[in-house]
Amino acid sequence: SNQPAHATRPAAAVASPAATVSTRPTETLKPLLQQALPNVKGK
């Protein structure tokens, strides 16, 4: 299936993300676990 997941709480529209991102702090990603899936080749 290619059906997208639907969120349950739409919010009001916000300003263009590109216009607000440049002067704001950004996120950091800390990996916890990375494991090849033994029953799904290549994943």
All heavy atoms as atom14 arrays in JSON, in Angstrom:
{
  "sequence": "SNQPAHATRPAAAVASPAATVSTRPTETLKPLLQQALPNVKGK",
  "atom14_mask": [
    [1, 1, 1, 1, 1, 1, 0, 0, 0, 0, 0, 0, 0, 0],
    [1, 1, 1, 1, 1, 1, 1, 1, 0, 0, 0, 0, 0, 0],
    [1, 1, 1, 1, 1, 1, 1, 1, 1, 0, 0, 0, 0, 0],
    [1, 1, 1, 1, 1, 1, 1, 0, 0, 0, 0, 0, 0, 0],
    [1, 1, 1, 1, 1, 0, 0, 0, 0, 0, 0, 0, 0, 0],
    [1, 1, 1, 1, 1, 1, 1, 1, 1, 1, 0, 0, 0, 0],
    [1, 1, 1, 1, 1, 0, 0, 0, 0, 0, 0, 0, 0, 0],
    [1, 1, 1, 1, 1, 1, 1, 0, 0, 0, 0, 0, 0, 0],
    [1, 1, 1, 1, 1, 1, 1, 1, 1, 1, 1, 0, 0, 0],
    [1, 1, 1, 1, 1, 1, 1, 0, 0, 0, 0, 0, 0, 0],
    [1, 1, 1, 1, 1, 0, 0, 0, 0, 0, 0, 0, 0, 0],
    [1, 1, 1, 1, 1, 0, 0, 0, 0, 0, 0, 0, 0, 0],
    [1, 1, 1, 1, 1, 0, 0, 0, 0, 0, 0, 0, 0, 0],
    [1, 1, 1, 1, 1, 1, 1, 0, 0, 0, 0, 0, 0, 0],
    [1, 1, 1, 1, 1, 0, 0, 0, 0, 0, 0, 0, 0, 0],
    [1, 1, 1, 1, 1, 1, 0, 0, 0, 0, 0, 0, 0, 0],
    [1, 1, 1, 1, 1, 1, 1, 0, 0, 0, 0, 0, 0, 0],
    [1, 1, 1, 1, 1, 0, 0, 0, 0, 0, 0, 0, 0, 0],
    [1, 1, 1, 1, 1, 0, 0, 0, 0, 0, 0, 0, 0, 0],
    [1, 1, 1, 1, 1, 1, 1, 0, 0, 0, 0, 0, 0, 0],
    [1, 1, 1, 1, 1, 1, 1, 0, 0, 0, 0, 0, 0, 0],
    [1, 1, 1, 1, 1, 1, 0, 0, 0, 0, 0, 0, 0, 0],
    [1, 1, 1, 1, 1, 1, 1, 0, 0, 0, 0, 0, 0, 0],
    [1, 1, 1, 1, 1, 1, 1, 1, 1, 1, 1, 0, 0, 0],
    [1, 1, 1, 1, 1, 1, 1, 0, 0, 0, 0, 0, 0, 0],
    [1, 1, 1, 1, 1, 1, 1, 0, 0, 0, 0, 0, 0, 0],
    [1, 1, 1, 1, 1, 1, 1, 1, 1, 0, 0, 0, 0, 0],
    [1, 1, 1, 1, 1, 1, 1, 0, 0, 0, 0, 0, 0, 0],
    [1, 1, 1, 1, 1, 1, 1, 1, 0, 0, 0, 0, 0, 0],
    [1, 1, 1, 1, 1, 1, 1, 1, 1, 0, 0, 0, 0, 0],
    [1, 1, 1, 1, 1, 1, 1, 0, 0, 0, 0, 0, 0, 0],
    [1, 1, 1, 1, 1, 1, 1, 1, 0, 0, 0, 0, 0, 0],
    [1, 1, 1, 1, 1, 1, 1, 1, 0, 0, 0, 0, 0, 0],
    [1, 1, 1, 1, 1, 1, 1, 1, 1, 0, 0, 0, 0, 0],
    [1, 1, 1, 1, 1, 1, 1, 1, 1, 0, 0, 0, 0, 0],
    [1, 1, 1, 1, 1, 0, 0, 0, 0, 0, 0, 0, 0, 0],
    [1, 1, 1, 1, 1, 1, 1, 1, 0, 0, 0, 0, 0, 0],
    [1, 1, 1, 1, 1, 1, 1, 0, 0, 0, 0, 0, 0, 0],
    [1, 1, 1, 1, 1, 1, 1, 1, 0, 0, 0, 0, 0, 0],
    [1, 1, 1, 1, 1, 1, 1, 0, 0, 0, 0, 0, 0, 0],
    [1, 1, 1, 1, 1, 1, 1, 1, 1, 0, 0, 0, 0, 0],
    [1, 1, 1, 1, 0, 0, 0, 0, 0, 0, 0, 0, 0, 0],
    [1, 1, 1, 1, 1, 1, 1, 1, 1, 0, 0, 0, 0, 0]
  ],
  "atom14_positions": [
    [[0.83, -1.2, 0.0], [0.0, 0.0, 0.0], [0.86, 1.25, 0.0], [1.85, 1.34, 0.68], [-0.89, 0.02, 1.25], [-1.56, 1.24, 1.35], [0.0, 0.0, 0.0], [0.0, 0.0, 0.0], [0.0, 0.0, 0.0], [0.0, 0.0, 0.0], [0.0, 0.0, 0.0], [0.0, 0.0, 0.0], [0.0, 0.0, 0.0], [0.0, 0.0, 0.0]],
    [[0.46, 2.26, -0.76], [1.12, 3.55, -0.77], [0.26, 4.6, -0.09], [0.43, 5.78, -0.31], [1.43, 3.99, -2.2], [2.56, 3.19, -2.79], [3.45, 2.73, -2.06], [2.55, 3.0, -4.08], [0.0, 0.0, 0.0], [0.0, 0.0, 0.0], [0.0, 0.0, 0.0], [0.0, 0.0, 0.0], [0.0, 0.0, 0.0], [0.0, 0.0, 0.0]],
    [[-0.7, 4.18, 0.7], [-1.59, 5.13, 1.37], [-0.82, 5.87, 2.45], [-0.16, 5.27, 3.28], [-2.78, 4.4, 2.01], [-3.69, 3.76, 0.99], [-4.27, 4.76, 0.02], [-4.74, 5.81, 0.42], [-4.21, 4.45, -1.25], [0.0, 0.0, 0.0], [0.0, 0.0, 0.0], [0.0, 0.0, 0.0], [0.0, 0.0, 0.0], [0.0, 0.0, 0.0]],
    [[-0.87, 7.24, 2.45], [-0.17, 8.0, 3.47], [-0.86, 7.9, 4.82], [-2.06, 7.66, 4.9], [-0.22, 9.45, 2.95], [-1.44, 9.48, 2.08], [-1.55, 8.09, 1.49], [0.0, 0.0, 0.0], [0.0, 0.0, 0.0], [0.0, 0.0, 0.0], [0.0, 0.0, 0.0], [0.0, 0.0, 0.0], [0.0, 0.0, 0.0], [0.0, 0.0, 0.0]],
    [[-0.08, 8.09, 5.88], [-0.66, 8.16, 7.22], [-1.28, 9.54, 7.37], [-0.78, 10.52, 6.85], [0.43, 7.97, 8.25], [0.0, 0.0, 0.0], [0.0, 0.0, 0.0], [0.0, 0.0, 0.0], [0.0, 0.0, 0.0], [0.0, 0.0, 0.0], [0.0, 0.0, 0.0], [0.0, 0.0, 0.0], [0.0, 0.0, 0.0], [0.0, 0.0, 0.0]],
    [[-2.39, 9.63, 8.06], [-3.06, 10.9, 8.26], [-2.94, 11.33, 9.7], [-3.21, 10.57, 10.61], [-4.55, 10.78, 7.88], [-4.72, 10.47, 6.43], [-4.53, 11.41, 5.45], [-5.02, 9.33, 5.78], [-4.73, 10.86, 4.27], [-5.02, 9.59, 4.44], [0.0, 0.0, 0.0], [0.0, 0.0, 0.0], [0.0, 0.0, 0.0], [0.0, 0.0, 0.0]],
    [[-2.53, 12.57, 9.9], [-2.44, 13.12, 11.24], [-3.84, 13.42, 11.75], [-4.77, 13.6, 10.97], [-1.6, 14.38, 11.22], [0.0, 0.0, 0.0], [0.0, 0.0, 0.0], [0.0, 0.0, 0.0], [0.0, 0.0, 0.0], [0.0, 0.0, 0.0], [0.0, 0.0, 0.0], [0.0, 0.0, 0.0], [0.0, 0.0, 0.0], [0.0, 0.0, 0.0]],
    [[-3.97, 13.51, 13.06], [-5.29, 13.68, 13.64], [-5.59, 15.09, 14.11], [-6.71, 15.38, 14.45], [-5.46, 12.74, 14.84], [-4.42, 13.01, 15.78], [-5.4, 11.28, 14.4], [0.0, 0.0, 0.0], [0.0, 0.0, 0.0], [0.0, 0.0, 0.0], [0.0, 0.0, 0.0], [0.0, 0.0, 0.0], [0.0, 0.0, 0.0], [0.0, 0.0, 0.0]],
    [[-4.6, 15.96, 14.15], [-4.84, 17.29, 14.68], [-4.32, 18.38, 13.76], [-3.24, 18.92, 13.98], [-4.14, 17.46, 16.02], [-4.72, 16.65, 17.11], [-4.12, 17.09, 18.4], [-4.58, 16.22, 19.46], [-4.28, 16.42, 20.71], [-3.57, 17.44, 21.08], [-4.73, 15.6, 21.63], [0.0, 0.0, 0.0], [0.0, 0.0, 0.0], [0.0, 0.0, 0.0]],
    [[-5.04, 18.75, 12.71], [-4.58, 19.85, 11.87], [-4.47, 21.14, 12.68], [-5.28, 21.4, 13.54], [-5.65, 19.96, 10.78], [-6.33, 18.64, 10.78], [-6.25, 18.13, 12.19], [0.0, 0.0, 0.0], [0.0, 0.0, 0.0], [0.0, 0.0, 0.0], [0.0, 0.0, 0.0], [0.0, 0.0, 0.0], [0.0, 0.0, 0.0], [0.0, 0.0, 0.0]],
    [[-3.45, 21.92, 12.38], [-3.27, 23.2, 13.06], [-3.39, 24.31, 12.04], [-3.39, 24.08, 10.83], [-1.89, 23.24, 13.71], [0.0, 0.0, 0.0], [0.0, 0.0, 0.0], [0.0, 0.0, 0.0], [0.0, 0.0, 0.0], [0.0, 0.0, 0.0], [0.0, 0.0, 0.0], [0.0, 0.0, 0.0], [0.0, 0.0, 0.0], [0.0, 0.0, 0.0]],
    [[-3.46, 25.52, 12.51], [-3.54, 26.68, 11.61], [-2.26, 26.76, 10.79], [-1.19, 26.36, 11.24], [-3.71, 27.95, 12.44], [0.0, 0.0, 0.0], [0.0, 0.0, 0.0], [0.0, 0.0, 0.0], [0.0, 0.0, 0.0], [0.0, 0.0, 0.0], [0.0, 0.0, 0.0], [0.0, 0.0, 0.0], [0.0, 0.0, 0.0], [0.0, 0.0, 0.0]],
    [[-2.38, 27.28, 9.6], [-1.21, 27.43, 8.73], [-0.21, 28.37, 9.38], [-0.57, 29.27, 10.13], [-1.63, 27.95, 7.36], [0.0, 0.0, 0.0], [0.0, 0.0, 0.0], [0.0, 0.0, 0.0], [0.0, 0.0, 0.0], [0.0, 0.0, 0.0], [0.0, 0.0, 0.0], [0.0, 0.0, 0.0], [0.0, 0.0, 0.0], [0.0, 0.0, 0.0]],
    [[1.08, 28.16, 9.07], [2.13, 29.01, 9.62], [2.88, 29.65, 8.48], [2.71, 29.29, 7.31], [3.11, 28.19, 10.5], [2.39, 27.65, 11.71], [3.76, 27.1, 9.72], [0.0, 0.0, 0.0], [0.0, 0.0, 0.0], [0.0, 0.0, 0.0], [0.0, 0.0, 0.0], [0.0, 0.0, 0.0], [0.0, 0.0, 0.0], [0.0, 0.0, 0.0]],
    [[3.75, 30.59, 8.81], [4.56, 31.27, 7.81], [5.44, 30.25, 7.09], [5.72, 29.18, 7.61], [5.43, 32.33, 8.48], [0.0, 0.0, 0.0], [0.0, 0.0, 0.0], [0.0, 0.0, 0.0], [0.0, 0.0, 0.0], [0.0, 0.0, 0.0], [0.0, 0.0, 0.0], [0.0, 0.0, 0.0], [0.0, 0.0, 0.0], [0.0, 0.0, 0.0]],
    [[5.9, 30.61, 5.93], [6.76, 29.75, 5.14], [7.95, 29.28, 5.97], [8.64, 30.1, 6.58], [7.26, 30.52, 3.92], [8.35, 29.86, 3.34], [0.0, 0.0, 0.0], [0.0, 0.0, 0.0], [0.0, 0.0, 0.0], [0.0, 0.0, 0.0], [0.0, 0.0, 0.0], [0.0, 0.0, 0.0], [0.0, 0.0, 0.0], [0.0, 0.0, 0.0]],
    [[8.2, 27.97, 6.01], [9.31, 27.46, 6.82], [10.65, 28.08, 6.45], [11.44, 28.39, 7.31], [9.32, 25.97, 6.53], [7.97, 25.64, 6.01], [7.46, 26.9, 5.37], [0.0, 0.0, 0.0], [0.0, 0.0, 0.0], [0.0, 0.0, 0.0], [0.0, 0.0, 0.0], [0.0, 0.0, 0.0], [0.0, 0.0, 0.0], [0.0, 0.0, 0.0]],
    [[10.89, 28.31, 5.17], [12.16, 28.86, 4.73], [12.38, 30.26, 5.3], [13.5, 30.66, 5.59], [12.22, 28.89, 3.2], [0.0, 0.0, 0.0], [0.0, 0.0, 0.0], [0.0, 0.0, 0.0], [0.0, 0.0, 0.0], [0.0, 0.0, 0.0], [0.0, 0.0, 0.0], [0.0, 0.0, 0.0], [0.0, 0.0, 0.0], [0.0, 0.0, 0.0]],
    [[11.29, 31.01, 5.5], [11.41, 32.37, 6.0], [11.74, 32.4, 7.49], [12.27, 33.37, 7.98], [10.1, 33.13, 5.74], [0.0, 0.0, 0.0], [0.0, 0.0, 0.0], [0.0, 0.0, 0.0], [0.0, 0.0, 0.0], [0.0, 0.0, 0.0], [0.0, 0.0, 0.0], [0.0, 0.0, 0.0], [0.0, 0.0, 0.0], [0.0, 0.0, 0.0]],
    [[11.42, 31.32, 8.23], [11.6, 31.35, 9.68], [12.77, 30.51, 10.16], [13.17, 30.65, 11.3], [10.32, 30.83, 10.37], [10.07, 29.51, 9.93], [9.13, 31.72, 10.07], [0.0, 0.0, 0.0], [0.0, 0.0, 0.0], [0.0, 0.0, 0.0], [0.0, 0.0, 0.0], [0.0, 0.0, 0.0], [0.0, 0.0, 0.0], [0.0, 0.0, 0.0]],
    [[13.36, 29.7, 9.31], [14.38, 28.77, 9.75], [15.76, 29.41, 9.91], [16.5, 29.07, 10.8], [14.46, 27.56, 8.79], [15.67, 26.71, 9.06], [13.2, 26.76, 8.87], [0.0, 0.0, 0.0], [0.0, 0.0, 0.0], [0.0, 0.0, 0.0], [0.0, 0.0, 0.0], [0.0, 0.0, 0.0], [0.0, 0.0, 0.0], [0.0, 0.0, 0.0]],
    [[16.11, 30.38, 9.08], [17.48, 30.85, 8.98], [18.08, 31.36, 10.28], [19.27, 31.22, 10.5], [17.58, 31.92, 7.89], [16.75, 33.01, 8.24], [0.0, 0.0, 0.0], [0.0, 0.0, 0.0], [0.0, 0.0, 0.0], [0.0, 0.0, 0.0], [0.0, 0.0, 0.0], [0.0, 0.0, 0.0], [0.0, 0.0, 0.0], [0.0, 0.0, 0.0]],
    [[17.32, 31.98, 11.16], [17.89, 32.54, 12.38], [17.57, 31.71, 13.62], [17.84, 32.12, 14.73], [17.36, 33.97, 12.6], [15.94, 33.92, 12.7], [17.78, 34.88, 11.47], [0.0, 0.0, 0.0], [0.0, 0.0, 0.0], [0.0, 0.0, 0.0], [0.0, 0.0, 0.0], [0.0, 0.0, 0.0], [0.0, 0.0, 0.0], [0.0, 0.0, 0.0]],
    [[17.0, 30.56, 13.44], [16.59, 29.72, 14.57], [17.59, 28.6, 14.8], [18.27, 28.16, 13.89], [15.22, 29.13, 14.26], [14.14, 30.2, 14.12], [12.85, 29.64, 13.65], [12.23, 28.82, 14.69], [11.04, 28.26, 14.56], [10.33, 28.42, 13.46], [10.52, 27.54, 15.53], [0.0, 0.0, 0.0], [0.0, 0.0, 0.0], [0.0, 0.0, 0.0]],
    [[17.65, 28.11, 16.05], [18.5, 26.93, 16.3], [17.96, 25.73, 15.52], [16.79, 25.73, 15.14], [18.37, 26.71, 17.81], [17.33, 27.62, 18.32], [16.96, 28.58, 17.24], [0.0, 0.0, 0.0], [0.0, 0.0, 0.0], [0.0, 0.0, 0.0], [0.0, 0.0, 0.0], [0.0, 0.0, 0.0], [0.0, 0.0, 0.0], [0.0, 0.0, 0.0]],
    [[18.81, 24.74, 15.31], [18.38, 23.54, 14.59], [18.4, 22.33, 15.53], [18.89, 22.39, 16.64], [19.28, 23.26, 13.38], [20.61, 23.08, 13.83], [19.22, 24.4, 12.37], [0.0, 0.0, 0.0], [0.0, 0.0, 0.0], [0.0, 0.0, 0.0], [0.0, 0.0, 0.0], [0.0, 0.0, 0.0], [0.0, 0.0, 0.0], [0.0, 0.0, 0.0]],
    [[17.89, 21.23, 15.03], [17.78, 20.0, 15.79], [19.09, 19.22, 15.76], [19.94, 19.46, 14.9], [16.64, 19.15, 15.23], [17.0, 18.29, 14.02], [17.16, 19.02, 12.69], [17.13, 20.27, 12.64], [17.35, 18.33, 11.68], [0.0, 0.0, 0.0], [0.0, 0.0, 0.0], [0.0, 0.0, 0.0], [0.0, 0.0, 0.0], [0.0, 0.0, 0.0]],
    [[19.24, 18.29, 16.7], [20.36, 17.36, 16.67], [19.79, 15.95, 16.7], [18.74, 15.7, 17.31], [21.32, 17.54, 17.87], [20.59, 17.39, 19.08], [21.98, 18.9, 17.84], [0.0, 0.0, 0.0], [0.0, 0.0, 0.0], [0.0, 0.0, 0.0], [0.0, 0.0, 0.0], [0.0, 0.0, 0.0], [0.0, 0.0, 0.0], [0.0, 0.0, 0.0]],
    [[20.46, 15.03, 16.03], [20.03, 13.64, 15.95], [21.08, 12.77, 16.65], [22.26, 12.83, 16.3], [19.87, 13.22, 14.49], [19.34, 11.82, 14.25], [18.4, 11.84, 13.07], [20.46, 10.84, 14.02], [0.0, 0.0, 0.0], [0.0, 0.0, 0.0], [0.0, 0.0, 0.0], [0.0, 0.0, 0.0], [0.0, 0.0, 0.0], [0.0, 0.0, 0.0]],
    [[20.65, 12.0, 17.65], [21.54, 11.09, 18.37], [21.11, 9.66, 18.08], [20.08, 9.21, 18.59], [21.46, 11.37, 19.87], [22.33, 10.43, 20.7], [22.14, 10.7, 22.18], [22.88, 9.65, 22.99], [22.57, 9.77, 24.41], [0.0, 0.0, 0.0], [0.0, 0.0, 0.0], [0.0, 0.0, 0.0], [0.0, 0.0, 0.0], [0.0, 0.0, 0.0]],
    [[21.87, 8.93, 17.26], [21.52, 7.54, 16.97], [21.54, 6.67, 18.22], [22.39, 6.84, 19.09], [22.6, 7.1, 15.99], [23.17, 8.36, 15.44], [23.05, 9.37, 16.54], [0.0, 0.0, 0.0], [0.0, 0.0, 0.0], [0.0, 0.0, 0.0], [0.0, 0.0, 0.0], [0.0, 0.0, 0.0], [0.0, 0.0, 0.0], [0.0, 0.0, 0.0]],
    [[20.57, 5.77, 18.34], [20.5, 4.85, 19.47], [20.88, 3.44, 19.04], [21.62, 2.75, 19.72], [19.08, 4.83, 20.05], [18.57, 6.15, 20.61], [17.1, 6.02, 20.99], [19.4, 6.59, 21.8], [0.0, 0.0, 0.0], [0.0, 0.0, 0.0], [0.0, 0.0, 0.0], [0.0, 0.0, 0.0], [0.0, 0.0, 0.0], [0.0, 0.0, 0.0]],
    [[20.34, 2.99, 17.91], [20.54, 1.62, 17.45], [20.44, 1.59, 15.93], [19.56, 2.23, 15.35], [19.46, 0.7, 18.04], [19.42, -0.74, 17.51], [20.61, -1.54, 18.06], [18.12, -1.41, 17.92], [0.0, 0.0, 0.0], [0.0, 0.0, 0.0], [0.0, 0.0, 0.0], [0.0, 0.0, 0.0], [0.0, 0.0, 0.0], [0.0, 0.0, 0.0]],
    [[21.35, 0.88, 15.32], [21.26, 0.65, 13.88], [21.5, -0.84, 13.66], [22.51, -1.39, 14.11], [22.29, 1.48, 13.13], [22.09, 1.42, 11.62], [22.91, 2.49, 10.92], [24.1, 2.64, 11.2], [22.29, 3.22, 10.03], [0.0, 0.0, 0.0], [0.0, 0.0, 0.0], [0.0, 0.0, 0.0], [0.0, 0.0, 0.0], [0.0, 0.0, 0.0]],
    [[20.54, -1.49, 12.98], [20.59, -2.94, 12.83], [20.02, -3.34, 11.48], [18.92, -2.93, 11.12], [19.75, -3.58, 13.94], [19.57, -5.07, 13.84], [20.83, -5.82, 14.21], [21.44, -5.54, 15.22], [21.22, -6.77, 13.39], [0.0, 0.0, 0.0], [0.0, 0.0, 0.0], [0.0, 0.0, 0.0], [0.0, 0.0, 0.0], [0.0, 0.0, 0.0]],
    [[20.78, -4.12, 10.73], [20.24, -4.68, 9.49], [19.06, -5.58, 9.85], [19.11, -6.31, 10.85], [21.31, -5.47, 8.75], [0.0, 0.0, 0.0], [0.0, 0.0, 0.0], [0.0, 0.0, 0.0], [0.0, 0.0, 0.0], [0.0, 0.0, 0.0], [0.0, 0.0, 0.0], [0.0, 0.0, 0.0], [0.0, 0.0, 0.0], [0.0, 0.0, 0.0]],
    [[18.0, -5.52, 9.08], [16.84, -6.38, 9.33], [17.14, -7.77, 8.76], [17.33, -7.91, 7.55], [15.58, -5.79, 8.7], [15.08, -4.49, 9.33], [13.89, -3.94, 8.53], [14.68, -4.73, 10.77], [0.0, 0.0, 0.0], [0.0, 0.0, 0.0], [0.0, 0.0, 0.0], [0.0, 0.0, 0.0], [0.0, 0.0, 0.0], [0.0, 0.0, 0.0]],
    [[17.18, -8.78, 9.6], [17.58, -10.1, 9.13], [16.58, -10.75, 8.19], [16.95, -11.57, 7.37], [17.71, -10.92, 10.42], [16.88, -10.21, 11.42], [16.89, -8.75, 11.03], [0.0, 0.0, 0.0], [0.0, 0.0, 0.0], [0.0, 0.0, 0.0], [0.0, 0.0, 0.0], [0.0, 0.0, 0.0], [0.0, 0.0, 0.0], [0.0, 0.0, 0.0]],
    [[15.33, -10.35, 8.26], [14.31, -10.97, 7.41], [13.87, -10.08, 6.25], [12.93, -10.42, 5.54], [13.1, -11.37, 8.26], [12.47, -10.18, 8.96], [13.1, -9.14, 9.1], [11.23, -10.33, 9.39], [0.0, 0.0, 0.0], [0.0, 0.0, 0.0], [0.0, 0.0, 0.0], [0.0, 0.0, 0.0], [0.0, 0.0, 0.0], [0.0, 0.0, 0.0]],
    [[14.54, -8.93, 6.06], [14.21, -8.03, 4.95], [15.54, -7.6, 4.32], [16.17, -6.63, 4.75], [13.39, -6.8, 5.41], [12.95, -5.99, 4.2], [12.18, -7.21, 6.25], [0.0, 0.0, 0.0], [0.0, 0.0, 0.0], [0.0, 0.0, 0.0], [0.0, 0.0, 0.0], [0.0, 0.0, 0.0], [0.0, 0.0, 0.0], [0.0, 0.0, 0.0]],
    [[15.95, -8.33, 3.31], [17.25, -8.1, 2.68], [17.36, -6.65, 2.17], [16.45, -6.13, 1.54], [17.44, -9.07, 1.51], [18.81, -8.98, 0.9], [19.03, -10.0, -0.2], [20.41, -9.78, -0.76], [20.82, -10.79, -1.68], [0.0, 0.0, 0.0], [0.0, 0.0, 0.0], [0.0, 0.0, 0.0], [0.0, 0.0, 0.0], [0.0, 0.0, 0.0]],
    [[18.49, -6.01, 2.49], [18.78, -4.67, 2.0], [18.15, -3.55, 2.81], [18.26, -2.38, 2.45], [0.0, 0.0, 0.0], [0.0, 0.0, 0.0], [0.0, 0.0, 0.0], [0.0, 0.0, 0.0], [0.0, 0.0, 0.0], [0.0, 0.0, 0.0], [0.0, 0.0, 0.0], [0.0, 0.0, 0.0], [0.0, 0.0, 0.0], [0.0, 0.0, 0.0]],
    [[17.5, -3.89, 3.94], [16.85, -2.87, 4.79], [17.53, -2.8, 6.15], [17.97, -3.81, 6.69], [15.36, -3.16, 4.99], [14.55, -3.13, 3.71], [14.42, -1.71, 3.18], [13.54, -1.69, 1.94], [13.41, -0.36, 1.38], [0.0, 0.0, 0.0], [0.0, 0.0, 0.0], [0.0, 0.0, 0.0], [0.0, 0.0, 0.0], [0.0, 0.0, 0.0]]
  ]
}
